[in-house]
Amino acid sequence: MSKTRLKAIIGGSIGNLVEWYDWYAYSAFALYFSASFFPSGDKTAQLLNTAGVFALGFLMRPIGGWMFGRIADKVGRKRSMTLSVLLMSFGSLLIAFIPTYNDIGIIAPTVLLIARLLQGLSVGGEYGVSATYLSEMASRKRRGFYSSFQYVTLIGGQLIALGIQLILQRWLLTEEELHDWGWRIPFVIGALLSFVALYLRQSLHETHAFEAQKNKPDEKKGTISELLKHPRAILTVIGLTLGGTLAFYTYTTYMQKFLVNTVNLSKSDSTLISFWSMLIFALMQPAFGALSDRIGRRPLLIGFGVLGTLFTVPLLTTLSHTTSQYEAFFLLLAGLIIVSGYTSINAVVKAELFPAQVRALGVGLPYALTVAIFGGTAEYVALWLKGIGNEEYFYWYITGCIFLSLIVYVGMRDTRETSELNKDPSG
């Protein structure tokens, strides 16, 4: 591993970690601040309102995928990643200092929504550009391994959010203090970390793939018209993302609420179970990525599709009825192991589908559209179905989406063999 590639992994990944920490801090601490912005005596209704804002934030992700993908393909991957982390920092600062509903009324949830829309714009651009950057900086035989670090840091962002929550819950603050003002602390931390990421990203090298095509005519780079010349690749990104993103957000973002609201564990216990299962999940990503470099991407995707279709309903049904913390932990971990067949390699698979002049846009935009529709609404749909007394329908909804993705996995070519990255100067 050259020094340049090592620096690329560290710089690109740490920036990604900070972006996703800011994004997930909202979900992790929604249990505490929901009553500050949406007064109600019904716990599920409060969580439903905060989940609605979470889902609306996802609607900005396609715009972010288009905007930052266009910047990355026209101006450079490095410039785009720097701008996205700045925007995320601003969104975090807004949330940290919003007065409550009791102080300013309806303005409070309105500003919260604006902050989440800005963060959605930022994180929508982050995924496609960082996936492109890591894939282009990787050596040909280790692309799966290199690109897996995107999800290591994506998961790492959530782990840091959960870790801060554990520290605040168990050692620093009381339950009342967390509800009153302690939930603001992680958003201040996120804003500060964003400036660290900004510094690291300013020193990154641009990729050879971008440098080789930057003098091409502008109409060839980062435009929708150019992207639409690759309809098969666009549909493949949508299809392979559909089931994976829904399963991922169910077992990560929504799971903490599920453990509290359905399994009836304490907030502290649910945070601890989520933290340890996510830590193991993060450590698995490079192993799965390296395996794809040896056997191909398609076998891992098919493995996720088959196991997810067969075991999602049994896993979640058993989890919903368990009374043991240890059983809950192992059931959650089993779900995360299955999802690893998707998460570890989905970034490199998408990057391998597109040529350099529309790669960041091609990876980011169709992915962001799919995540906005299915991933971003996961917990809202789950809470709504629970509210009407049909929570088990959500388990079948996930299963159906994974099965649709499985059809795509079976029908697609293995991108390790047909990669557009192989045509780049660095390929």
Protein backbone atom coordinates (compact mmCIF):
# COMPACT_ATOMS: atom_id res chain seq x y z
CA MET A 1 0.00 0.00 0.00
CA SER A 2 1.58 3.28 -1.13
CA LYS A 3 1.67 6.37 1.10
CA THR A 4 -0.65 8.17 -1.32
CA ARG A 5 -3.24 5.41 -1.17
CA LEU A 6 -2.98 5.15 2.60
CA LYS A 7 -3.47 8.91 2.90
CA ALA A 8 -6.44 8.69 0.53
CA ILE A 9 -8.12 6.02 2.67
CA ILE A 10 -7.54 7.96 5.89
CA GLY A 11 -8.52 11.37 4.54
CA GLY A 12 -11.51 10.21 2.52
CA SER A 13 -12.74 7.83 5.20
CA ILE A 14 -12.39 10.15 8.21
CA GLY A 15 -14.30 12.85 6.40
CA ASN A 16 -16.95 10.26 5.63
CA LEU A 17 -16.99 9.22 9.31
CA VAL A 18 -17.63 12.77 10.48
CA GLU A 19 -20.39 13.32 7.92
CA TRP A 20 -22.21 10.16 8.98
CA TYR A 21 -21.68 10.82 12.67
CA ASP A 22 -23.52 14.13 12.25
CA TRP A 23 -26.27 12.40 10.29
CA TYR A 24 -26.77 9.56 12.79
CA ALA A 25 -26.55 11.69 15.93
CA TYR A 26 -30.06 12.88 15.09
CA SER A 27 -31.44 9.35 15.12
CA ALA A 28 -29.47 8.24 18.19
CA PHE A 29 -30.65 11.17 20.33
CA ALA A 30 -34.19 11.45 18.95
CA LEU A 31 -35.30 9.44 21.99
CA TYR A 32 -34.32 12.44 24.12
CA PHE A 33 -35.13 15.54 22.08
CA SER A 34 -38.39 14.47 20.41
CA ALA A 35 -40.47 15.97 23.24
CA SER A 36 -38.59 19.29 22.94
CA PHE A 37 -39.90 19.87 19.42
CA PHE A 38 -43.09 17.80 19.23
CA PRO A 39 -45.02 17.98 22.52
CA SER A 40 -47.32 15.00 22.99
CA GLY A 41 -48.19 12.47 25.65
CA ASP A 42 -47.76 9.58 23.19
CA LYS A 43 -44.15 8.32 22.94
CA THR A 44 -44.75 6.64 19.57
CA ALA A 45 -46.33 9.83 18.17
CA GLN A 46 -43.30 11.90 19.22
CA LEU A 47 -40.93 9.39 17.62
CA LEU A 48 -43.12 9.35 14.52
CA ASN A 49 -42.77 13.14 14.17
CA THR A 50 -38.96 13.03 14.52
CA ALA A 51 -38.87 10.08 12.12
CA GLY A 52 -40.87 12.19 9.67
CA VAL A 53 -38.25 14.94 9.80
CA PHE A 54 -35.57 12.24 9.39
CA ALA A 55 -37.38 10.98 6.28
CA LEU A 56 -37.75 14.50 4.86
CA GLY A 57 -34.00 14.96 5.26
CA PHE A 58 -33.59 12.00 2.93
CA LEU A 59 -35.61 13.79 0.24
CA MET A 60 -32.71 16.23 -0.11
CA ARG A 61 -30.25 13.43 -0.74
CA PRO A 62 -31.03 13.04 -4.46
CA ILE A 63 -30.48 16.80 -4.89
CA GLY A 64 -27.21 16.47 -2.97
CA GLY A 65 -26.25 13.45 -5.08
CA TRP A 66 -26.85 15.47 -8.24
CA MET A 67 -25.24 18.70 -7.03
CA PHE A 68 -22.09 17.28 -5.45
CA GLY A 69 -21.78 14.54 -8.07
CA ARG A 70 -21.79 17.23 -10.77
CA ILE A 71 -19.16 19.24 -8.89
CA ALA A 72 -17.01 16.11 -8.45
CA ASP A 73 -17.17 15.18 -12.15
CA LYS A 74 -16.59 18.74 -13.36
CA VAL A 75 -14.31 20.35 -10.76
CA GLY A 76 -12.84 17.44 -8.82
CA ARG A 77 -13.56 14.79 -6.20
CA LYS A 78 -11.52 16.60 -3.55
CA ARG A 79 -13.34 19.94 -3.96
CA SER A 80 -16.74 18.28 -3.76
CA MET A 81 -15.89 16.33 -0.59
CA THR A 82 -14.61 19.51 1.08
CA LEU A 83 -17.80 21.46 0.36
CA SER A 84 -20.08 18.66 1.59
CA VAL A 85 -18.41 18.44 5.00
CA LEU A 86 -18.72 22.22 5.45
CA LEU A 87 -22.46 22.05 4.83
CA MET A 88 -22.87 19.22 7.32
CA SER A 89 -21.08 21.26 9.98
CA PHE A 90 -23.51 24.15 9.53
CA GLY A 91 -26.51 21.84 9.88
CA SER A 92 -25.17 20.40 13.13
CA LEU A 93 -24.61 23.84 14.61
CA LEU A 94 -28.21 24.79 13.82
CA ILE A 95 -29.59 21.75 15.64
CA ALA A 96 -27.29 22.32 18.63
CA PHE A 97 -28.67 25.78 19.32
CA ILE A 98 -32.36 25.61 18.34
CA PRO A 99 -34.65 26.79 21.18
CA THR A 100 -37.39 24.33 22.15
CA TYR A 101 -41.06 24.34 21.18
CA ASN A 102 -41.96 25.82 24.56
CA ASP A 103 -39.63 28.78 23.85
CA ILE A 104 -40.45 29.69 20.24
CA GLY A 105 -43.40 27.50 19.25
CA ILE A 106 -43.73 26.22 15.71
CA ILE A 107 -40.47 27.91 14.67
CA ALA A 108 -38.54 25.24 16.61
CA PRO A 109 -39.57 22.20 14.51
CA THR A 110 -39.35 24.38 11.39
CA VAL A 111 -35.68 25.22 12.04
CA LEU A 112 -35.05 21.56 12.92
CA LEU A 113 -36.45 20.60 9.53
CA ILE A 114 -34.27 23.18 7.73
CA ALA A 115 -31.17 21.86 9.50
CA ARG A 116 -32.02 18.28 8.50
CA LEU A 117 -32.64 19.33 4.90
CA LEU A 118 -29.16 20.89 4.78
CA GLN A 119 -27.65 17.75 6.29
CA GLY A 120 -29.57 15.63 3.80
CA LEU A 121 -28.12 17.70 0.96
CA SER A 122 -24.63 17.17 2.35
CA VAL A 123 -24.80 13.45 3.04
CA GLY A 124 -26.52 12.88 -0.31
CA GLY A 125 -23.43 14.21 -2.02
CA GLU A 126 -20.99 12.52 0.33
CA TYR A 127 -21.82 8.93 -0.53
CA GLY A 128 -21.34 9.08 -4.29
CA VAL A 129 -18.22 11.23 -4.21
CA SER A 130 -16.41 9.35 -1.44
CA ALA A 131 -17.32 5.99 -3.04
CA THR A 132 -15.89 7.24 -6.32
CA TYR A 133 -12.77 8.65 -4.68
CA LEU A 134 -11.92 5.49 -2.70
CA SER A 135 -12.60 3.24 -5.71
CA GLU A 136 -10.44 5.34 -8.02
CA MET A 137 -7.56 5.51 -5.52
CA ALA A 138 -7.57 1.73 -4.97
CA SER A 139 -5.27 -0.72 -6.73
CA ARG A 140 -7.06 -2.95 -9.23
CA LYS A 141 -6.83 -6.15 -7.19
CA ARG A 142 -7.91 -4.59 -3.89
CA ARG A 143 -10.84 -2.36 -4.82
CA GLY A 144 -13.32 -4.33 -2.73
CA PHE A 145 -11.07 -4.05 0.32
CA TYR A 146 -10.35 -0.33 -0.13
CA SER A 147 -13.93 0.70 -0.83
CA SER A 148 -15.23 -1.30 2.16
CA PHE A 149 -13.75 1.40 4.39
CA GLN A 150 -16.56 3.69 3.30
CA TYR A 151 -18.97 1.55 5.30
CA VAL A 152 -16.43 1.05 8.09
CA THR A 153 -16.47 4.81 8.63
CA LEU A 154 -20.17 5.14 7.85
CA ILE A 155 -20.86 2.62 10.62
CA GLY A 156 -18.09 4.24 12.67
CA GLY A 157 -19.99 7.52 12.60
CA GLN A 158 -22.97 5.81 14.17
CA LEU A 159 -20.71 4.05 16.69
CA ILE A 160 -19.27 7.37 17.84
CA ALA A 161 -22.79 8.76 18.20
CA LEU A 162 -23.81 5.71 20.24
CA GLY A 163 -20.56 5.82 22.25
CA ILE A 164 -21.15 9.45 23.20
CA GLN A 165 -24.70 8.53 24.12
CA LEU A 166 -23.47 5.70 26.37
CA ILE A 167 -20.99 8.00 28.13
CA LEU A 168 -23.65 10.64 28.71
CA GLN A 169 -26.24 8.07 29.85
CA ARG A 170 -24.07 6.05 32.21
CA TRP A 171 -21.53 8.47 33.65
CA LEU A 172 -22.08 12.16 32.97
CA LEU A 173 -25.76 13.10 32.92
CA THR A 174 -29.03 12.05 34.47
CA GLU A 175 -32.03 11.01 32.38
CA GLU A 176 -33.66 14.38 33.09
CA GLU A 177 -30.55 16.34 32.07
CA LEU A 178 -30.36 14.41 28.78
CA HIS A 179 -33.96 15.28 28.00
CA ASP A 180 -33.56 18.93 29.02
CA TRP A 181 -30.28 19.96 27.39
CA GLY A 182 -27.78 17.06 27.20
CA TRP A 183 -28.96 15.97 23.76
CA ARG A 184 -27.37 19.16 22.33
CA ILE A 185 -23.83 18.02 23.21
CA PRO A 186 -23.37 15.52 20.32
CA PHE A 187 -24.34 18.13 17.74
CA VAL A 188 -21.73 20.56 19.06
CA ILE A 189 -19.14 17.76 18.91
CA GLY A 190 -20.19 16.98 15.34
CA ALA A 191 -19.71 20.56 14.21
CA LEU A 192 -16.21 20.64 15.73
CA LEU A 193 -15.25 17.30 14.14
CA SER A 194 -16.33 18.63 10.75
CA PHE A 195 -13.54 21.21 10.87
CA VAL A 196 -11.03 18.41 11.54
CA ALA A 197 -12.34 16.55 8.48
CA LEU A 198 -12.14 19.74 6.44
CA TYR A 199 -8.44 20.10 7.29
CA LEU A 200 -7.70 16.48 6.34
CA ARG A 201 -9.54 16.69 3.05
CA GLN A 202 -7.76 19.83 1.92
CA SER A 203 -4.48 17.89 1.82
CA LEU A 204 -5.77 14.99 -0.31
CA HIS A 205 -4.50 14.23 -3.82
CA GLU A 206 -6.93 14.30 -6.72
CA THR A 207 -7.49 10.93 -8.47
CA HIS A 208 -5.72 10.03 -11.73
CA ALA A 209 -9.08 9.12 -13.25
CA PHE A 210 -10.40 12.66 -12.80
CA GLU A 211 -7.16 14.31 -13.90
CA ALA A 212 -7.17 12.26 -17.10
CA GLN A 213 -10.63 13.45 -18.17
CA LYS A 214 -10.82 16.97 -16.73
CA ASN A 215 -9.97 18.58 -20.08
CA LYS A 216 -12.87 16.91 -21.89
CA PRO A 217 -15.76 19.16 -22.97
CA ASP A 218 -18.04 20.17 -20.09
CA GLU A 219 -21.11 18.61 -21.72
CA LYS A 220 -19.46 15.21 -21.28
CA LYS A 221 -18.90 15.58 -17.53
CA GLY A 222 -21.37 15.35 -14.68
CA THR A 223 -24.51 16.01 -16.71
CA ILE A 224 -27.86 14.22 -16.58
CA SER A 225 -27.89 13.87 -20.38
CA GLU A 226 -24.53 12.07 -20.30
CA LEU A 227 -25.65 9.91 -17.36
CA LEU A 228 -28.79 8.82 -19.24
CA LYS A 229 -26.56 7.20 -21.85
CA HIS A 230 -26.03 4.45 -19.25
CA PRO A 231 -29.61 3.27 -18.50
CA ARG A 232 -28.61 -0.32 -17.63
CA ALA A 233 -26.12 0.91 -15.03
CA ILE A 234 -28.67 3.33 -13.52
CA LEU A 235 -31.30 0.61 -13.17
CA THR A 236 -28.71 -1.75 -11.69
CA VAL A 237 -27.80 0.80 -9.01
CA ILE A 238 -31.48 1.25 -8.12
CA GLY A 239 -32.15 -2.49 -8.02
CA LEU A 240 -29.12 -3.52 -6.01
CA THR A 241 -29.68 -0.66 -3.51
CA LEU A 242 -33.40 -1.26 -2.90
CA GLY A 243 -33.30 -4.20 -0.48
CA GLY A 244 -29.87 -3.45 0.93
CA THR A 245 -30.61 0.08 2.07
CA LEU A 246 -33.92 -0.89 3.68
CA ALA A 247 -32.30 -3.76 5.59
CA PHE A 248 -29.33 -1.59 6.60
CA TYR A 249 -31.44 1.24 8.02
CA THR A 250 -33.70 -1.24 9.80
CA TYR A 251 -30.84 -3.00 11.61
CA THR A 252 -28.93 0.19 12.37
CA THR A 253 -30.80 3.50 12.47
CA TYR A 254 -34.22 2.15 13.46
CA MET A 255 -33.08 -0.73 15.66
CA GLN A 256 -32.40 1.35 18.77
CA LYS A 257 -36.00 2.60 18.74
CA PHE A 258 -37.26 -0.91 17.99
CA LEU A 259 -35.47 -2.29 21.05
CA VAL A 260 -37.02 0.40 23.27
CA ASN A 261 -40.46 0.70 21.72
CA THR A 262 -41.18 -2.95 20.79
CA VAL A 263 -38.80 -5.18 22.79
CA ASN A 264 -39.27 -2.87 25.82
CA LEU A 265 -35.60 -2.68 26.77
CA SER A 266 -34.32 0.42 28.56
CA LYS A 267 -32.79 3.22 26.50
CA SER A 268 -29.39 2.52 28.06
CA ASP A 269 -29.54 -1.24 27.32
CA SER A 270 -30.71 -0.70 23.75
CA THR A 271 -27.84 1.74 23.16
CA LEU A 272 -25.32 -0.77 24.54
CA ILE A 273 -26.64 -3.63 22.38
CA SER A 274 -26.64 -1.41 19.28
CA PHE A 275 -23.10 -0.23 20.01
CA TRP A 276 -21.48 -3.67 20.35
CA SER A 277 -23.32 -5.22 17.42
CA MET A 278 -22.41 -2.24 15.22
CA LEU A 279 -18.76 -2.42 16.27
CA ILE A 280 -18.54 -6.05 15.14
CA PHE A 281 -20.45 -5.12 11.98
CA ALA A 282 -17.89 -2.42 11.15
CA LEU A 283 -14.95 -4.79 11.68
CA MET A 284 -16.51 -7.32 9.28
CA GLN A 285 -16.63 -4.94 6.31
CA PRO A 286 -12.97 -5.17 5.16
CA ALA A 287 -13.08 -8.99 5.42
CA PHE A 288 -16.14 -9.16 3.17
CA GLY A 289 -14.58 -6.56 0.82
CA ALA A 290 -11.35 -8.56 0.56
CA LEU A 291 -13.38 -11.72 -0.09
CA SER A 292 -15.06 -10.00 -3.05
CA ASP A 293 -11.62 -9.29 -4.51
CA ARG A 294 -11.03 -13.06 -4.55
CA ILE A 295 -14.40 -14.54 -5.55
CA GLY A 296 -16.19 -11.58 -7.16
CA ARG A 297 -18.90 -9.14 -6.10
CA ARG A 298 -21.92 -11.08 -7.35
CA PRO A 299 -21.65 -14.11 -4.97
CA LEU A 300 -21.74 -11.80 -1.92
CA LEU A 301 -24.75 -9.90 -3.23
CA ILE A 302 -26.62 -13.12 -4.02
CA GLY A 303 -25.77 -14.44 -0.54
CA PHE A 304 -27.30 -11.34 1.03
CA GLY A 305 -30.36 -11.61 -1.21
CA VAL A 306 -31.05 -15.28 -0.44
CA LEU A 307 -30.41 -15.09 3.31
CA GLY A 308 -32.27 -11.78 3.66
CA THR A 309 -35.31 -13.16 1.86
CA LEU A 310 -35.39 -16.33 3.98
CA PHE A 311 -34.52 -15.01 7.44
CA THR A 312 -35.71 -11.39 7.84
CA VAL A 313 -39.20 -12.29 9.08
CA PRO A 314 -38.02 -15.04 11.50
CA LEU A 315 -35.24 -12.82 12.88
CA LEU A 316 -37.37 -9.74 13.52
CA THR A 317 -40.34 -11.75 14.81
CA THR A 318 -38.14 -13.59 17.31
CA LEU A 319 -36.42 -10.36 18.29
CA SER A 320 -39.74 -8.62 18.94
CA HIS A 321 -40.72 -11.32 21.47
CA THR A 322 -37.41 -11.80 23.26
CA THR A 323 -36.90 -10.83 26.89
CA SER A 324 -33.15 -11.50 26.98
CA GLN A 325 -30.56 -8.82 26.24
CA TYR A 326 -28.10 -11.48 25.05
CA GLU A 327 -30.62 -13.05 22.69
CA ALA A 328 -31.46 -9.60 21.32
CA PHE A 329 -27.77 -8.95 20.73
CA PHE A 330 -27.15 -12.19 18.81
CA LEU A 331 -30.31 -11.85 16.74
CA LEU A 332 -29.33 -8.31 15.76
CA LEU A 333 -25.79 -9.44 14.96
CA ALA A 334 -27.14 -12.23 12.73
CA GLY A 335 -29.10 -9.66 10.75
CA LEU A 336 -26.02 -7.44 10.39
CA ILE A 337 -23.88 -10.36 9.18
CA ILE A 338 -26.42 -11.02 6.43
CA VAL A 339 -26.51 -7.33 5.44
CA SER A 340 -22.68 -7.26 5.19
CA GLY A 341 -22.93 -9.06 1.86
CA TYR A 342 -24.41 -5.82 0.54
CA THR A 343 -22.83 -3.05 2.63
CA SER A 344 -19.20 -4.13 2.22
CA ILE A 345 -19.14 -3.93 -1.57
CA ASN A 346 -22.09 -1.87 -2.80
CA ALA A 347 -19.95 1.27 -3.20
CA VAL A 348 -17.33 -0.35 -5.44
CA VAL A 349 -19.99 -2.20 -7.48
CA LYS A 350 -21.66 1.11 -8.32
CA ALA A 351 -18.35 2.83 -9.12
CA GLU A 352 -17.44 -0.04 -11.45
CA LEU A 353 -20.59 0.56 -13.52
CA PHE A 354 -19.80 4.09 -14.78
CA PRO A 355 -17.04 5.85 -16.77
CA ALA A 356 -14.99 8.54 -15.02
CA GLN A 357 -16.79 11.57 -16.53
CA VAL A 358 -20.13 10.67 -14.89
CA ARG A 359 -18.99 8.27 -12.18
CA ALA A 360 -19.65 10.41 -9.10
CA LEU A 361 -23.04 11.49 -10.46
CA GLY A 362 -23.89 7.93 -11.55
CA VAL A 363 -23.01 6.46 -8.18
CA GLY A 364 -24.62 9.22 -6.12
CA LEU A 365 -27.88 10.22 -7.81
CA PRO A 366 -29.71 6.90 -8.45
CA TYR A 367 -28.47 5.61 -5.10
CA ALA A 368 -29.72 8.73 -3.28
CA LEU A 369 -33.13 8.49 -4.98
CA THR A 370 -33.51 4.86 -3.89
CA VAL A 371 -32.33 5.53 -0.34
CA ALA A 372 -34.67 8.53 -0.05
CA ILE A 373 -37.67 6.40 -1.00
CA PHE A 374 -36.85 3.22 0.90
CA GLY A 375 -34.05 3.75 3.44
CA GLY A 376 -35.13 7.17 4.64
CA THR A 377 -38.73 6.09 5.19
CA ALA A 378 -37.86 2.79 6.92
CA GLU A 379 -38.42 3.86 10.50
CA TYR A 380 -41.41 6.03 9.60
CA VAL A 381 -43.12 3.07 7.91
CA ALA A 382 -42.17 0.80 10.82
CA LEU A 383 -43.56 3.19 13.44
CA TRP A 384 -46.71 3.85 11.43
CA LEU A 385 -47.43 0.13 11.07
CA LYS A 386 -46.77 -0.33 14.78
CA GLY A 387 -49.14 2.54 15.53
CA ILE A 388 -52.00 0.82 13.66
CA GLY A 389 -51.24 -2.55 15.26
CA ASN A 390 -49.64 -4.32 12.28
CA GLU A 391 -45.91 -4.11 13.00
CA GLU A 392 -45.25 -7.56 11.47
CA TYR A 393 -46.19 -6.19 8.03
CA PHE A 394 -42.94 -4.21 8.13
CA TYR A 395 -40.93 -7.45 8.31
CA TRP A 396 -42.60 -8.70 5.15
CA TYR A 397 -42.08 -5.34 3.46
CA ILE A 398 -38.31 -5.65 4.01
CA THR A 399 -38.37 -9.24 2.75
CA GLY A 400 -40.17 -8.24 -0.44
CA CYS A 401 -37.67 -5.47 -1.20
CA ILE A 402 -34.70 -7.78 -0.62
CA PHE A 403 -36.25 -10.35 -2.96
CA LEU A 404 -36.56 -7.72 -5.71
CA SER A 405 -32.87 -6.90 -5.26
CA LEU A 406 -32.04 -10.61 -5.41
CA ILE A 407 -33.58 -10.76 -8.88
CA VAL A 408 -31.20 -7.95 -9.93
CA TYR A 409 -28.18 -9.70 -8.36
CA VAL A 410 -28.93 -12.93 -10.21
CA GLY A 411 -29.33 -11.14 -13.54
CA MET A 412 -26.37 -8.75 -13.37
CA ARG A 413 -22.80 -9.31 -14.53
CA ASP A 414 -19.99 -9.44 -11.99
CA THR A 415 -18.56 -5.93 -12.01
CA ARG A 416 -15.14 -7.11 -10.85
CA GLU A 417 -14.69 -8.56 -14.34
CA THR A 418 -16.45 -5.83 -16.36
CA SER A 419 -15.36 -2.78 -14.34
CA GLU A 420 -15.25 0.62 -16.00
CA LEU A 421 -12.50 1.44 -13.50
CA ASN A 422 -10.23 -0.89 -15.48
CA LYS A 423 -10.31 1.67 -18.31
CA ASP A 424 -8.94 4.46 -16.08
CA PRO A 425 -5.24 5.39 -16.16
CA SER A 426 -4.92 4.09 -12.57
CA GLY A 427 -6.81 0.87 -13.43
